[in-house]
Amino acid sequence: MSEYPSFDLTGRVALVTGAARGLGNAIARALAHAGADVALGLRDVTTGGDPLETIEAMGRRALPLQMDMTRLDQISRAVDDTVAHLGKVGILVNNAGLAS
């Protein structure tokens, strides 16, 4: 993404599901560019390298979270971990989708 929208989210915390690639990754990077710290909801937390490194290089905090959207326990833990490490969630992007 070469251009980011111009708005200020400094001090805000965002949680983005499906943040490993595609639209979720682009949204997470745009929120970080605007100043937000970003919790990255990932179906497989071991895939969190690229968005994590990109967001941290912007000077923002990034938190990779194991968050398989078919597992209620992982969703609850991810929200709790976000609040514990980054603070109150002010922005939620429910980007993850399920195919059957």
Protein backbone atom coordinates (compact mmCIF):
# COMPACT_ATOMS: atom_id res chain seq x y z
CA MET A 1 0.00 0.00 0.00
CA SER A 2 1.71 3.17 -1.12
CA GLU A 3 -0.73 5.76 0.27
CA TYR A 4 -2.51 5.73 3.59
CA PRO A 5 -5.62 7.69 4.50
CA SER A 6 -5.02 10.75 6.66
CA PHE A 7 -6.54 10.41 10.13
CA ASP A 8 -5.12 10.23 13.64
CA LEU A 9 -5.59 7.20 15.89
CA THR A 10 -2.69 7.91 18.24
CA GLY A 11 -3.23 6.21 21.57
CA ARG A 12 -5.99 3.93 20.29
CA VAL A 13 -5.92 0.13 20.32
CA ALA A 14 -7.23 -1.90 17.39
CA LEU A 15 -7.93 -5.63 17.12
CA VAL A 16 -7.96 -6.97 13.55
CA THR A 17 -9.03 -10.55 12.83
CA GLY A 18 -7.59 -12.33 9.80
CA ALA A 19 -4.55 -10.03 9.91
CA ALA A 20 -1.99 -12.40 8.39
CA ARG A 21 -2.56 -11.43 4.78
CA GLY A 22 -4.81 -9.73 2.28
CA LEU A 23 -7.34 -7.16 3.40
CA GLY A 24 -6.79 -7.82 7.12
CA ASN A 25 -3.07 -7.21 6.75
CA ALA A 26 -3.67 -3.98 4.82
CA ILE A 27 -6.18 -2.75 7.40
CA ALA A 28 -3.81 -3.53 10.29
CA ARG A 29 -0.99 -1.62 8.57
CA ALA A 30 -3.26 1.36 7.80
CA LEU A 31 -4.44 1.55 11.42
CA ALA A 32 -0.83 1.42 12.64
CA HIS A 33 0.15 4.11 10.15
CA ALA A 34 -2.61 6.29 11.63
CA GLY A 35 -1.11 5.81 15.10
CA ALA A 36 -2.96 2.84 16.59
CA ASP A 37 -1.35 -0.07 18.38
CA VAL A 38 -2.64 -3.24 16.74
CA ALA A 39 -3.53 -6.69 18.03
CA LEU A 40 -3.24 -9.15 15.15
CA GLY A 41 -5.81 -11.93 15.25
CA LEU A 42 -4.19 -14.83 13.39
CA ARG A 43 -5.61 -18.27 12.64
CA ASP A 44 -2.05 -19.56 13.07
CA VAL A 45 0.06 -17.31 15.31
CA THR A 46 3.27 -18.71 13.78
CA THR A 47 2.41 -16.82 10.56
CA GLY A 48 2.54 -13.43 12.30
CA GLY A 49 6.00 -12.33 11.13
CA ASP A 50 5.28 -9.93 8.28
CA PRO A 51 2.49 -7.76 9.74
CA LEU A 52 4.15 -7.81 13.16
CA GLU A 53 7.51 -6.59 11.84
CA THR A 54 5.90 -4.00 9.55
CA ILE A 55 3.82 -2.46 12.34
CA GLU A 56 6.70 -2.42 14.82
CA ALA A 57 8.89 -0.72 12.19
CA MET A 58 6.31 2.11 12.19
CA GLY A 59 6.99 2.59 15.90
CA ARG A 60 3.69 1.05 16.99
CA ARG A 61 3.07 -1.86 19.29
CA ALA A 62 1.84 -5.05 17.65
CA LEU A 63 0.57 -8.15 19.42
CA PRO A 64 0.21 -11.42 17.51
CA LEU A 65 -2.66 -13.50 18.87
CA GLN A 66 -3.74 -17.08 18.25
CA MET A 67 -7.33 -16.49 17.12
CA ASP A 68 -9.01 -19.25 15.17
CA MET A 69 -12.52 -17.82 14.73
CA THR A 70 -14.04 -21.29 15.10
CA ARG A 71 -12.69 -21.52 18.68
CA LEU A 72 -14.56 -19.41 21.23
CA ASP A 73 -11.83 -20.04 23.83
CA GLN A 74 -9.19 -18.53 21.52
CA ILE A 75 -11.38 -15.52 20.78
CA SER A 76 -11.95 -14.82 24.48
CA ARG A 77 -8.27 -15.27 25.32
CA ALA A 78 -7.23 -12.99 22.43
CA VAL A 79 -9.48 -10.18 23.67
CA ASP A 80 -8.24 -10.62 27.25
CA ASP A 81 -4.59 -10.65 26.08
CA THR A 82 -5.15 -7.50 24.00
CA VAL A 83 -6.54 -5.61 26.98
CA ALA A 84 -3.75 -6.89 29.26
CA HIS A 85 -0.91 -5.97 26.88
CA LEU A 86 -2.16 -3.00 24.86
CA GLY A 87 -5.16 -1.59 26.74
CA LYS A 88 -8.86 -1.18 26.08
CA VAL A 89 -9.92 -2.08 22.54
CA GLY A 90 -11.36 0.96 20.80
CA ILE A 91 -11.38 -0.39 17.24
CA LEU A 92 -12.50 -3.86 16.16
CA VAL A 93 -12.17 -5.04 12.57
CA ASN A 94 -13.91 -8.37 12.11
CA ASN A 95 -12.20 -9.29 8.86
CA ALA A 96 -11.77 -13.08 9.24
CA GLY A 97 -14.13 -15.21 7.22
CA LEU A 98 -15.07 -18.85 7.34
CA ALA A 99 -15.72 -21.03 4.32
CA SER A 100 -17.62 -24.27 4.48
